[in-house]
Amino acid sequence: MCLRVWVAQRFQRLMDAHRLRQKDLVDVFGTESIVSDVLNGKRDLTKEHIRRLSHRFHVSPSVFF
């Protein structure tokens, strides 16, 4: 499995567990389209995305590697 797809699946599970939708994470990514691209495996997470997601979900950054 491609790393990008694996990360997207893990990210989707976190969103589901917290009952979040794409629009709920605009503050992390800037736009819904970037959230969508990450979830669809079309875009990698940046270091800043990982930092913000780790803070938002209270998990280690290593969750996204």
C-alpha atoms as a PDB file:
ATOM      1  CA  MET A   1       0.000   0.000   0.000  1.00  0.00           C
ATOM      2  CA  CYS A   2       1.210   3.485  -0.847  1.00  0.00           C
ATOM      3  CA  LEU A   3       2.305   5.545   2.166  1.00  0.00           C
ATOM      4  CA  ARG A   4       0.080   8.422   1.084  1.00  0.00           C
ATOM      5  CA  VAL A   5      -2.975   6.142   1.065  1.00  0.00           C
ATOM      6  CA  TRP A   6      -2.024   4.638   4.440  1.00  0.00           C
ATOM      7  CA  VAL A   7      -1.745   8.118   5.983  1.00  0.00           C
ATOM      8  CA  ALA A   8      -5.081   9.108   4.437  1.00  0.00           C
ATOM      9  CA  GLN A   9      -6.769   6.056   5.953  1.00  0.00           C
ATOM     10  CA  ARG A  10      -5.316   6.743   9.391  1.00  0.00           C
ATOM     11  CA  PHE A  11      -6.374  10.385   9.125  1.00  0.00           C
ATOM     12  CA  GLN A  12      -9.909   9.337   8.108  1.00  0.00           C
ATOM     13  CA  ARG A  13     -10.134   7.013  11.133  1.00  0.00           C
ATOM     14  CA  LEU A  14      -9.184   9.881  13.441  1.00  0.00           C
ATOM     15  CA  MET A  15     -11.804  12.092  11.818  1.00  0.00           C
ATOM     16  CA  ASP A  16     -14.435   9.368  12.196  1.00  0.00           C
ATOM     17  CA  ALA A  17     -13.519   8.753  15.840  1.00  0.00           C
ATOM     18  CA  HIS A  18     -13.936  12.463  16.572  1.00  0.00           C
ATOM     19  CA  ARG A  19     -17.010  12.787  14.328  1.00  0.00           C
ATOM     20  CA  LEU A  20     -15.393  15.473  12.206  1.00  0.00           C
ATOM     21  CA  ARG A  21     -16.129  16.477   8.649  1.00  0.00           C
ATOM     22  CA  GLN A  22     -13.749  18.042   6.157  1.00  0.00           C
ATOM     23  CA  LYS A  23     -15.034  21.528   6.890  1.00  0.00           C
ATOM     24  CA  ASP A  24     -14.179  21.038  10.573  1.00  0.00           C
ATOM     25  CA  LEU A  25     -10.479  20.885   9.685  1.00  0.00           C
ATOM     26  CA  VAL A  26     -10.184  24.004   7.549  1.00  0.00           C
ATOM     27  CA  ASP A  27      -8.357  25.640  10.465  1.00  0.00           C
ATOM     28  CA  VAL A  28      -5.648  22.968  10.146  1.00  0.00           C
ATOM     29  CA  PHE A  29      -5.355  22.876   6.350  1.00  0.00           C
ATOM     30  CA  GLY A  30      -6.595  26.241   5.146  1.00  0.00           C
ATOM     31  CA  THR A  31      -9.204  24.932   2.701  1.00  0.00           C
ATOM     32  CA  GLU A  32     -11.607  22.021   2.360  1.00  0.00           C
ATOM     33  CA  SER A  33      -9.996  21.130  -0.957  1.00  0.00           C
ATOM     34  CA  ILE A  34      -6.650  20.446   0.733  1.00  0.00           C
ATOM     35  CA  VAL A  35      -8.408  18.250   3.311  1.00  0.00           C
ATOM     36  CA  SER A  36     -10.064  16.400   0.431  1.00  0.00           C
ATOM     37  CA  ASP A  37      -6.772  15.970  -1.443  1.00  0.00           C
ATOM     38  CA  VAL A  38      -5.090  14.498   1.650  1.00  0.00           C
ATOM     39  CA  LEU A  39      -8.000  12.136   2.304  1.00  0.00           C
ATOM     40  CA  ASN A  40      -7.976  11.001  -1.332  1.00  0.00           C
ATOM     41  CA  GLY A  41      -4.228  10.361  -1.288  1.00  0.00           C
ATOM     42  CA  LYS A  42      -3.527  13.151  -3.787  1.00  0.00           C
ATOM     43  CA  ARG A  43      -1.479  15.321  -1.446  1.00  0.00           C
ATOM     44  CA  ASP A  44       1.065  14.703   1.297  1.00  0.00           C
ATOM     45  CA  LEU A  45       0.771  16.181   4.747  1.00  0.00           C
ATOM     46  CA  THR A  46       3.222  18.996   5.397  1.00  0.00           C
ATOM     47  CA  LYS A  47       5.202  19.290   8.620  1.00  0.00           C
ATOM     48  CA  GLU A  48       2.844  22.080   9.669  1.00  0.00           C
ATOM     49  CA  HIS A  49      -0.232  19.920   8.966  1.00  0.00           C
ATOM     50  CA  ILE A  50       1.245  17.131  11.082  1.00  0.00           C
ATOM     51  CA  ARG A  51       2.028  19.540  13.914  1.00  0.00           C
ATOM     52  CA  ARG A  52      -1.506  20.953  13.869  1.00  0.00           C
ATOM     53  CA  LEU A  53      -3.184  17.548  13.559  1.00  0.00           C
ATOM     54  CA  SER A  54      -1.112  16.155  16.432  1.00  0.00           C
ATOM     55  CA  HIS A  55      -2.228  19.039  18.594  1.00  0.00           C
ATOM     56  CA  ARG A  56      -5.854  18.797  17.459  1.00  0.00           C
ATOM     57  CA  PHE A  57      -6.142  15.044  18.059  1.00  0.00           C
ATOM     58  CA  HIS A  58      -3.748  14.894  21.052  1.00  0.00           C
ATOM     59  CA  VAL A  59      -1.553  12.261  19.389  1.00  0.00           C
ATOM     60  CA  SER A  60       2.130  11.951  18.642  1.00  0.00           C
ATOM     61  CA  PRO A  61       3.284  13.241  15.237  1.00  0.00           C
ATOM     62  CA  SER A  62       4.529   9.705  14.589  1.00  0.00           C
ATOM     63  CA  VAL A  63       0.894   8.661  14.054  1.00  0.00           C
ATOM     64  CA  PHE A  64       1.156  10.300  10.629  1.00  0.00           C
ATOM     65  CA  PHE A  65       4.293   8.451   9.479  1.00  0.00           C
END
